Every structure is written in C-alpha cells, then in structure tokens.
C-alpha cells in the first residue's frame, strides 16, 4: 500500500468511527475528535469502530479509546449495545 493509499484508508476509518459515534451517542467532543484524528494505526481504528458500534455507553467507549494499541476485549455486557446502563455513562 502506498503512503497515499494508507492515508486514504486511515481517513476513511476515522470518518467511519466518527459517524458511528455520532449515530450512537450524539455530538463528539472536540478533544475526542482530535484524539481520533491523531490515530495513525488501521488496526486501532478498526477496533474502535467495533467498540463504538457495540459499547453499551459512551463511558465504555471512552475506556476503550484510552486502553491503548494492544487492547481487544469486546466481550460481556459492556459491549451489548442494547444493555440497560451496564456500568457506564
């Protein structure tokens, strides 16, 4: 993949992540927009897209956002998008 193609894929993934967040949780704070725009790892962005789609609350997504590159634990009621307030905002 060329550097231009990589940047295009990264920006598409960032846009997809933001779209899912807005759809699920509403307005995305500027600080979070900046953090997402700074992510330059396709695997991290794809994990966060899954987290955004499945996190039961904004708080759970935020925990995942700050978890780091090697995190991948999208299991349990925390990632049941129809759960009733499972330990998060």
PDB file of N, CA and C in Angstrom:
ATOM      1  N   UNK A   1       0.849  -1.162   0.000  1.00  0.00           N
ATOM      2  CA  UNK A   1       0.000   0.000   0.000  1.00  0.00           C
ATOM      3  C   UNK A   1       0.906   1.241   0.000  1.00  0.00           C
ATOM      4  N   UNK A   2       0.599   2.152  -0.871  1.00  0.00           N
ATOM      5  CA  UNK A   2       1.396   3.375  -0.949  1.00  0.00           C
ATOM      6  C   UNK A   2       1.045   4.287   0.239  1.00  0.00           C
ATOM      7  N   UNK A   3       1.919   5.232   0.565  1.00  0.00           N
ATOM      8  CA  UNK A   3       1.601   6.161   1.654  1.00  0.00           C
ATOM      9  C   UNK A   3       0.282   6.924   1.418  1.00  0.00           C
ATOM     10  N   UNK A   4       0.006   7.260   0.166  1.00  0.00           N
ATOM     11  CA  UNK A   4      -1.234   7.958  -0.153  1.00  0.00           C
ATOM     12  C   UNK A   4      -2.446   7.063   0.089  1.00  0.00           C
ATOM     13  N   UNK A   5      -2.325   5.789  -0.294  1.00  0.00           N
ATOM     14  CA  UNK A   5      -3.422   4.844  -0.063  1.00  0.00           C
ATOM     15  C   UNK A   5      -3.636   4.633   1.434  1.00  0.00           C
ATOM     16  N   UNK A   6      -2.541   4.517   2.184  1.00  0.00           N
ATOM     17  CA  UNK A   6      -2.637   4.343   3.626  1.00  0.00           C
ATOM     18  C   UNK A   6      -3.358   5.531   4.256  1.00  0.00           C
ATOM     19  N   UNK A   7      -2.994   6.741   3.875  1.00  0.00           N
ATOM     20  CA  UNK A   7      -3.653   7.930   4.418  1.00  0.00           C
ATOM     21  C   UNK A   7      -5.137   7.955   4.066  1.00  0.00           C
ATOM     22  N   UNK A   8      -5.460   7.518   2.872  1.00  0.00           N
ATOM     23  CA  UNK A   8      -6.858   7.469   2.455  1.00  0.00           C
ATOM     24  C   UNK A   8      -7.651   6.467   3.300  1.00  0.00           C
ATOM     25  N   UNK A   9      -7.079   5.292   3.531  1.00  0.00           N
ATOM     26  CA  UNK A   9      -7.741   4.267   4.354  1.00  0.00           C
ATOM     27  C   UNK A   9      -7.892   4.770   5.788  1.00  0.00           C
ATOM     28  N   UNK A  10      -6.841   5.377   6.323  1.00  0.00           N
ATOM     29  CA  UNK A  10      -6.907   5.909   7.684  1.00  0.00           C
ATOM     30  C   UNK A  10      -8.011   6.958   7.816  1.00  0.00           C
ATOM     31  N   UNK A  11      -8.096   7.872   6.851  1.00  0.00           N
ATOM     32  CA  UNK A  11      -9.111   8.918   6.932  1.00  0.00           C
ATOM     33  C   UNK A  11     -10.513   8.339   6.783  1.00  0.00           C
ATOM     34  N   UNK A  12     -10.665   7.345   5.927  1.00  0.00           N
ATOM     35  CA  UNK A  12     -11.965   6.675   5.792  1.00  0.00           C
ATOM     36  C   UNK A  12     -12.364   6.013   7.102  1.00  0.00           C
ATOM     37  N   UNK A  13     -11.423   5.328   7.745  1.00  0.00           N
ATOM     38  CA  UNK A  13     -11.716   4.684   9.026  1.00  0.00           C
ATOM     39  C   UNK A  13     -12.036   5.716  10.100  1.00  0.00           C
ATOM     40  N   UNK A  14     -11.305   6.824  10.130  1.00  0.00           N
ATOM     41  CA  UNK A  14     -11.607   7.892  11.102  1.00  0.00           C
ATOM     42  C   UNK A  14     -13.027   8.420  10.875  1.00  0.00           C
ATOM     43  N   UNK A  15     -13.363   8.673   9.624  1.00  0.00           N
ATOM     44  CA  UNK A  15     -14.705   9.169   9.297  1.00  0.00           C
ATOM     45  C   UNK A  15     -15.778   8.162   9.691  1.00  0.00           C
ATOM     46  N   UNK A  16     -15.526   6.884   9.433  1.00  0.00           N
ATOM     47  CA  UNK A  16     -16.478   5.839   9.801  1.00  0.00           C
ATOM     48  C   UNK A  16     -16.665   5.796  11.322  1.00  0.00           C
ATOM     49  N   UNK A  17     -15.563   5.875  12.057  1.00  0.00           N
ATOM     50  CA  UNK A  17     -15.632   5.861  13.517  1.00  0.00           C
ATOM     51  C   UNK A  17     -16.452   7.040  14.023  1.00  0.00           C
ATOM     52  N   UNK A  18     -16.173   8.211  13.514  1.00  0.00           N
ATOM     53  CA  UNK A  18     -16.924   9.392  13.945  1.00  0.00           C
ATOM     54  C   UNK A  18     -18.400   9.288  13.592  1.00  0.00           C
ATOM     55  N   UNK A  19     -18.708   8.712  12.439  1.00  0.00           N
ATOM     56  CA  UNK A  19     -20.105   8.539  12.039  1.00  0.00           C
ATOM     57  C   UNK A  19     -20.830   7.602  13.004  1.00  0.00           C
ATOM     58  N   UNK A  20     -20.189   6.514  13.376  1.00  0.00           N
ATOM     59  CA  UNK A  20     -20.815   5.574  14.313  1.00  0.00           C
ATOM     60  C   UNK A  20     -21.003   6.241  15.671  1.00  0.00           C
ATOM     61  N   UNK A  21     -19.976   6.964  16.133  1.00  0.00           N
ATOM     62  CA  UNK A  21     -20.094   7.645  17.425  1.00  0.00           C
ATOM     63  C   UNK A  21     -21.235   8.650  17.424  1.00  0.00           C
ATOM     64  N   UNK A  22     -21.349   9.435  16.374  1.00  0.00           N
ATOM     65  CA  UNK A  22     -22.421  10.433  16.292  1.00  0.00           C
ATOM     66  C   UNK A  22     -23.798   9.768  16.241  1.00  0.00           C
ATOM     67  N   UNK A  23     -23.878   8.695  15.504  1.00  0.00           N
ATOM     68  CA  UNK A  23     -25.145   7.968  15.398  1.00  0.00           C
ATOM     69  C   UNK A  23     -25.548   7.387  16.755  1.00  0.00           C
ATOM     70  N   UNK A  24     -24.599   6.807  17.459  1.00  0.00           N
ATOM     71  CA  UNK A  24     -24.899   6.144  18.734  1.00  0.00           C
ATOM     72  C   UNK A  24     -25.033   7.102  19.910  1.00  0.00           C
ATOM     73  N   UNK A  25     -24.146   8.142  19.956  1.00  0.00           N
ATOM     74  CA  UNK A  25     -24.037   8.937  21.177  1.00  0.00           C
ATOM     75  C   UNK A  25     -24.249  10.438  20.992  1.00  0.00           C
ATOM     76  N   UNK A  26     -24.416  10.897  19.764  1.00  0.00           N
ATOM     77  CA  UNK A  26     -24.623  12.324  19.535  1.00  0.00           C
ATOM     78  C   UNK A  26     -23.316  13.056  19.274  1.00  0.00           C
ATOM     79  N   UNK A  27     -23.239  14.281  19.740  1.00  0.00           N
ATOM     80  CA  UNK A  27     -22.076  15.133  19.496  1.00  0.00           C
ATOM     81  C   UNK A  27     -20.811  14.536  20.098  1.00  0.00           C
ATOM     82  N   UNK A  28     -19.734  14.588  19.332  1.00  0.00           N
ATOM     83  CA  UNK A  28     -18.433  14.105  19.796  1.00  0.00           C
ATOM     84  C   UNK A  28     -17.613  15.320  20.238  1.00  0.00           C
ATOM     85  N   UNK A  29     -17.148  15.324  21.505  1.00  0.00           N
ATOM     86  CA  UNK A  29     -16.370  16.465  21.988  1.00  0.00           C
ATOM     87  C   UNK A  29     -15.100  16.705  21.165  1.00  0.00           C
ATOM     88  N   UNK A  30     -14.706  17.976  21.082  1.00  0.00           N
ATOM     89  CA  UNK A  30     -13.527  18.374  20.299  1.00  0.00           C
ATOM     90  C   UNK A  30     -12.277  17.598  20.707  1.00  0.00           C
ATOM     91  N   UNK A  31     -12.079  17.391  21.997  1.00  0.00           N
ATOM     92  CA  UNK A  31     -10.909  16.647  22.487  1.00  0.00           C
ATOM     93  C   UNK A  31     -10.861  15.237  21.904  1.00  0.00           C
ATOM     94  N   UNK A  32     -12.023  14.604  21.795  1.00  0.00           N
ATOM     95  CA  UNK A  32     -12.092  13.242  21.252  1.00  0.00           C
ATOM     96  C   UNK A  32     -11.887  13.279  19.741  1.00  0.00           C
ATOM     97  N   UNK A  33     -12.443  14.286  19.069  1.00  0.00           N
ATOM     98  CA  UNK A  33     -12.198  14.437  17.629  1.00  0.00           C
ATOM     99  C   UNK A  33     -10.698  14.520  17.355  1.00  0.00           C
ATOM    100  N   UNK A  34     -10.007  15.328  18.133  1.00  0.00           N
ATOM    101  CA  UNK A  34      -8.560  15.481  17.948  1.00  0.00           C
ATOM    102  C   UNK A  34      -7.823  14.185  18.215  1.00  0.00           C
ATOM    103  N   UNK A  35      -8.229  13.456  19.257  1.00  0.00           N
ATOM    104  CA  UNK A  35      -7.579  12.179  19.568  1.00  0.00           C
ATOM    105  C   UNK A  35      -7.777  11.182  18.423  1.00  0.00           C
ATOM    106  N   UNK A  36      -8.979  11.132  17.888  1.00  0.00           N
ATOM    107  CA  UNK A  36      -9.255  10.208  16.784  1.00  0.00           C
ATOM    108  C   UNK A  36      -8.473  10.622  15.532  1.00  0.00           C
ATOM    109  N   UNK A  37      -8.422  11.907  15.244  1.00  0.00           N
ATOM    110  CA  UNK A  37      -7.671  12.384  14.076  1.00  0.00           C
ATOM    111  C   UNK A  37      -6.173  12.064  14.192  1.00  0.00           C
ATOM    112  N   UNK A  38      -5.674  11.912  15.406  1.00  0.00           N
ATOM    113  CA  UNK A  38      -4.254  11.631  15.616  1.00  0.00           C
ATOM    114  C   UNK A  38      -3.916  10.141  15.493  1.00  0.00           C
ATOM    115  N   UNK A  39      -4.912   9.286  15.448  1.00  0.00           N
ATOM    116  CA  UNK A  39      -4.653   7.833  15.352  1.00  0.00           C
ATOM    117  C   UNK A  39      -4.178   7.500  13.942  1.00  0.00           C
ATOM    118  N   UNK A  40      -3.015   6.855  13.876  1.00  0.00           N
ATOM    119  CA  UNK A  40      -2.420   6.518  12.577  1.00  0.00           C
ATOM    120  C   UNK A  40      -2.205   5.017  12.435  1.00  0.00           C
ATOM    121  N   UNK A  41      -3.054   4.235  13.085  1.00  0.00           N
ATOM    122  CA  UNK A  41      -2.935   2.774  13.057  1.00  0.00           C
ATOM    123  C   UNK A  41      -4.291   2.205  12.636  1.00  0.00           C
ATOM    124  N   UNK A  42      -4.312   1.546  11.494  1.00  0.00           N
ATOM    125  CA  UNK A  42      -5.560   0.984  10.955  1.00  0.00           C
ATOM    126  C   UNK A  42      -6.190  -0.004  11.934  1.00  0.00           C
ATOM    127  N   UNK A  43      -5.378  -0.854  12.569  1.00  0.00           N
ATOM    128  CA  UNK A  43      -5.917  -1.847  13.496  1.00  0.00           C
ATOM    129  C   UNK A  43      -6.622  -1.187  14.676  1.00  0.00           C
ATOM    130  N   UNK A  44      -6.038  -0.121  15.202  1.00  0.00           N
ATOM    131  CA  UNK A  44      -6.660   0.596  16.317  1.00  0.00           C
ATOM    132  C   UNK A  44      -7.982   1.212  15.874  1.00  0.00           C
ATOM    133  N   UNK A  45      -7.999   1.849  14.726  1.00  0.00           N
ATOM    134  CA  UNK A  45      -9.236   2.459  14.237  1.00  0.00           C
ATOM    135  C   UNK A  45     -10.321   1.408  14.011  1.00  0.00           C
ATOM    136  N   UNK A  46      -9.970   0.276  13.437  1.00  0.00           N
ATOM    137  CA  UNK A  46     -10.966  -0.766  13.197  1.00  0.00           C
ATOM    138  C   UNK A  46     -11.499  -1.336  14.505  1.00  0.00           C
ATOM    139  N   UNK A  47     -10.629  -1.488  15.516  1.00  0.00           N
ATOM    140  CA  UNK A  47     -11.074  -1.957  16.835  1.00  0.00           C
ATOM    141  C   UNK A  47     -12.030  -0.943  17.448  1.00  0.00           C
ATOM    142  N   UNK A  48     -11.700   0.347  17.306  1.00  0.00           N
ATOM    143  CA  UNK A  48     -12.552   1.383  17.875  1.00  0.00           C
ATOM    144  C   UNK A  48     -13.899   1.487  17.161  1.00  0.00           C
ATOM    145  N   UNK A  49     -13.925   1.206  15.869  1.00  0.00           N
ATOM    146  CA  UNK A  49     -15.206   1.174  15.146  1.00  0.00           C
ATOM    147  C   UNK A  49     -16.092   0.077  15.740  1.00  0.00           C
ATOM    148  N   UNK A  50     -15.519  -1.094  15.978  1.00  0.00           N
ATOM    149  CA  UNK A  50     -16.279  -2.188  16.612  1.00  0.00           C
ATOM    150  C   UNK A  50     -16.734  -1.799  18.007  1.00  0.00           C
ATOM    151  N   UNK A  51     -15.839  -1.160  18.760  1.00  0.00           N
ATOM    152  CA  UNK A  51     -16.190  -0.734  20.114  1.00  0.00           C
ATOM    153  C   UNK A  51     -17.325   0.291  20.068  1.00  0.00           C
ATOM    154  N   UNK A  52     -17.245   1.257  19.164  1.00  0.00           N
ATOM    155  CA  UNK A  52     -18.279   2.291  19.054  1.00  0.00           C
ATOM    156  C   UNK A  52     -19.628   1.678  18.686  1.00  0.00           C
ATOM    157  N   UNK A  53     -19.607   0.690  17.834  1.00  0.00           N
ATOM    158  CA  UNK A  53     -20.853   0.059  17.392  1.00  0.00           C
ATOM    159  C   UNK A  53     -21.481  -0.803  18.479  1.00  0.00           C
ATOM    160  N   UNK A  54     -20.661  -1.296  19.408  1.00  0.00           N
ATOM    161  CA  UNK A  54     -21.160  -2.270  20.377  1.00  0.00           C
ATOM    162  C   UNK A  54     -21.117  -1.822  21.826  1.00  0.00           C
ATOM    163  N   UNK A  55     -20.405  -0.760  22.144  1.00  0.00           N
ATOM    164  CA  UNK A  55     -20.336  -0.302  23.541  1.00  0.00           C
ATOM    165  C   UNK A  55     -21.722   0.100  24.019  1.00  0.00           C
ATOM    166  N   UNK A  56     -22.050  -0.320  25.215  1.00  0.00           N
ATOM    167  CA  UNK A  56     -23.372  -0.027  25.756  1.00  0.00           C
ATOM    168  C   UNK A  56     -23.509   1.413  26.217  1.00  0.00           C
ATOM    169  N   UNK A  57     -22.395   2.119  26.367  1.00  0.00           N
ATOM    170  CA  UNK A  57     -22.467   3.508  26.817  1.00  0.00           C
ATOM    171  C   UNK A  57     -21.250   4.279  26.313  1.00  0.00           C
ATOM    172  N   UNK A  58     -21.362   5.610  26.367  1.00  0.00           N
ATOM    173  CA  UNK A  58     -20.238   6.475  25.987  1.00  0.00           C
ATOM    174  C   UNK A  58     -19.043   6.197  26.898  1.00  0.00           C
ATOM    175  N   UNK A  59     -19.277   6.006  28.170  1.00  0.00           N
ATOM    176  CA  UNK A  59     -18.194   5.742  29.121  1.00  0.00           C
ATOM    177  C   UNK A  59     -17.407   4.493  28.769  1.00  0.00           C
ATOM    178  N   UNK A  60     -18.099   3.459  28.335  1.00  0.00           N
ATOM    179  CA  UNK A  60     -17.411   2.224  27.951  1.00  0.00           C
ATOM    180  C   UNK A  60     -16.580   2.454  26.698  1.00  0.00           C
ATOM    181  N   UNK A  61     -17.127   3.197  25.737  1.00  0.00           N
ATOM    182  CA  UNK A  61     -16.321   3.510  24.553  1.00  0.00           C
ATOM    183  C   UNK A  61     -15.084   4.306  24.954  1.00  0.00           C
ATOM    184  N   UNK A  62     -15.243   5.293  25.828  1.00  0.00           N
ATOM    185  CA  UNK A  62     -14.109   6.120  26.245  1.00  0.00           C
ATOM    186  C   UNK A  62     -13.028   5.275  26.912  1.00  0.00           C
ATOM    187  N   UNK A  63     -13.421   4.317  27.719  1.00  0.00           N
ATOM    188  CA  UNK A  63     -12.435   3.415  28.335  1.00  0.00           C
ATOM    189  C   UNK A  63     -11.648   2.683  27.266  1.00  0.00           C
ATOM    190  N   UNK A  64     -12.345   2.239  26.254  1.00  0.00           N
ATOM    191  CA  UNK A  64     -11.687   1.512  25.159  1.00  0.00           C
ATOM    192  C   UNK A  64     -10.776   2.444  24.359  1.00  0.00           C
ATOM    193  N   UNK A  65     -11.195   3.681  24.152  1.00  0.00           N
ATOM    194  CA  UNK A  65     -10.390   4.650  23.417  1.00  0.00           C
ATOM    195  C   UNK A  65      -9.047   4.867  24.100  1.00  0.00           C
ATOM    196  N   UNK A  66      -9.048   4.927  25.418  1.00  0.00           N
ATOM    197  CA  UNK A  66      -7.821   5.189  26.162  1.00  0.00           C
ATOM    198  C   UNK A  66      -7.082   3.922  26.566  1.00  0.00           C
ATOM    199  N   UNK A  67      -7.566   2.780  26.143  1.00  0.00           N
ATOM    200  CA  UNK A  67      -6.983   1.495  26.533  1.00  0.00           C
ATOM    201  C   UNK A  67      -5.605   1.248  25.911  1.00  0.00           C
ATOM    202  N   UNK A  68      -5.392   1.723  24.711  1.00  0.00           N
ATOM    203  CA  UNK A  68      -4.092   1.502  24.081  1.00  0.00           C
ATOM    204  C   UNK A  68      -4.167   0.577  22.892  1.00  0.00           C
ATOM    205  N   UNK A  69      -3.044   0.435  22.232  1.00  0.00           N
ATOM    206  CA  UNK A  69      -2.954  -0.289  20.973  1.00  0.00           C
ATOM    207  C   UNK A  69      -3.264  -1.775  21.072  1.00  0.00           C
ATOM    208  N   UNK A  70      -2.859  -2.419  22.145  1.00  0.00           N
ATOM    209  CA  UNK A  70      -2.982  -3.878  22.227  1.00  0.00           C
ATOM    210  C   UNK A  70      -4.284  -4.364  22.863  1.00  0.00           C
ATOM    211  N   UNK A  71      -5.149  -3.448  23.226  1.00  0.00           N
ATOM    212  CA  UNK A  71      -6.408  -3.846  23.857  1.00  0.00           C
ATOM    213  C   UNK A  71      -7.342  -4.473  22.829  1.00  0.00           C
ATOM    214  N   UNK A  72      -8.017  -5.502  23.249  1.00  0.00           N
ATOM    215  CA  UNK A  72      -9.074  -6.080  22.427  1.00  0.00           C
ATOM    216  C   UNK A  72      -9.881  -7.017  23.296  1.00  0.00           C
ATOM    217  N   UNK A  73     -10.866  -6.450  23.963  1.00  0.00           N
ATOM    218  CA  UNK A  73     -11.670  -7.249  24.878  1.00  0.00           C
ATOM    219  C   UNK A  73     -13.137  -6.902  24.749  1.00  0.00           C
ATOM    220  N   UNK A  74     -13.635  -6.914  23.580  1.00  0.00           N
ATOM    221  CA  UNK A  74     -15.020  -6.523  23.327  1.00  0.00           C
ATOM    222  C   UNK A  74     -15.955  -7.678  23.661  1.00  0.00           C
ATOM    223  N   UNK A  75     -16.040  -7.989  24.957  1.00  0.00           N
ATOM    224  CA  UNK A  75     -16.887  -9.096  25.394  1.00  0.00           C
ATOM    225  C   UNK A  75     -17.716  -8.668  26.597  1.00  0.00           C
ATOM    226  N   UNK A  76     -18.771  -9.394  26.856  1.00  0.00           N
ATOM    227  CA  UNK A  76     -19.584  -9.156  28.033  1.00  0.00           C
ATOM    228  C   UNK A  76     -20.651  -8.100  27.809  1.00  0.00           C
ATOM    229  N   UNK A  77     -21.383  -7.812  28.865  1.00  0.00           N
ATOM    230  CA  UNK A  77     -22.493  -6.867  28.793  1.00  0.00           C
ATOM    231  C   UNK A  77     -22.041  -5.447  28.488  1.00  0.00           C
ATOM    232  N   UNK A  78     -20.766  -5.126  28.746  1.00  0.00           N
ATOM    233  CA  UNK A  78     -20.270  -3.784  28.424  1.00  0.00           C
ATOM    234  C   UNK A  78     -20.346  -3.506  26.933  1.00  0.00           C
ATOM    235  N   UNK A  79     -20.329  -4.554  26.142  1.00  0.00           N
ATOM    236  CA  UNK A  79     -20.393  -4.406  24.686  1.00  0.00           C
ATOM    237  C   UNK A  79     -21.660  -4.998  24.107  1.00  0.00           C
ATOM    238  N   UNK A  80     -22.727  -4.871  24.866  1.00  0.00           N
ATOM    239  CA  UNK A  80     -24.063  -5.232  24.416  1.00  0.00           C
ATOM    240  C   UNK A  80     -24.788  -3.908  24.170  1.00  0.00           C
ATOM    241  N   UNK A  81     -24.940  -3.511  22.907  1.00  0.00           N
ATOM    242  CA  UNK A  81     -25.497  -2.193  22.628  1.00  0.00           C
ATOM    243  C   UNK A  81     -26.939  -1.987  23.097  1.00  0.00           C
ATOM    244  N   UNK A  82     -27.618  -3.045  23.493  1.00  0.00           N
ATOM    245  CA  UNK A  82     -28.987  -2.860  23.983  1.00  0.00           C
ATOM    246  C   UNK A  82     -29.086  -3.090  25.491  1.00  0.00           C
ATOM    247  N   UNK A  83     -27.952  -3.223  26.168  1.00  0.00           N
ATOM    248  CA  UNK A  83     -27.956  -3.392  27.622  1.00  0.00           C
ATOM    249  C   UNK A  83     -28.457  -2.124  28.288  1.00  0.00           C
ATOM    250  N   UNK A  84     -28.995  -2.263  29.461  1.00  0.00           N
ATOM    251  CA  UNK A  84     -29.511  -1.128  30.233  1.00  0.00           C
ATOM    252  C   UNK A  84     -28.423  -0.628  31.187  1.00  0.00           C
ATOM    253  N   UNK A  85     -27.725   0.449  30.810  1.00  0.00           N
ATOM    254  CA  UNK A  85     -26.719   1.149  31.630  1.00  0.00           C
ATOM    255  C   UNK A  85     -25.769   0.210  32.386  1.00  0.00           C
ATOM    256  N   UNK A  86     -24.991  -0.624  31.692  1.00  0.00           N
ATOM    257  CA  UNK A  86     -24.086  -1.553  32.355  1.00  0.00           C
ATOM    258  C   UNK A  86     -22.798  -0.873  32.800  1.00  0.00           C
ATOM    259  N   UNK A  87     -22.823  -0.221  33.903  1.00  0.00           N
ATOM    260  CA  UNK A  87     -21.615   0.351  34.488  1.00  0.00           C
ATOM    261  C   UNK A  87     -21.018   1.505  33.715  1.00  0.00           C
ATOM    262  N   UNK A  88     -21.810   2.290  33.057  1.00  0.00           N
ATOM    263  CA  UNK A  88     -21.225   3.405  32.317  1.00  0.00           C
ATOM    264  C   UNK A  88     -22.212   4.528  32.123  1.00  0.00           C
ATOM    265  N   UNK A  89     -21.697   5.629  31.682  1.00  0.00           N
ATOM    266  CA  UNK A  89     -22.493   6.829  31.458  1.00  0.00           C
ATOM    267  C   UNK A  89     -23.376   6.655  30.247  1.00  0.00           C
TER     268      UNK A  89
END
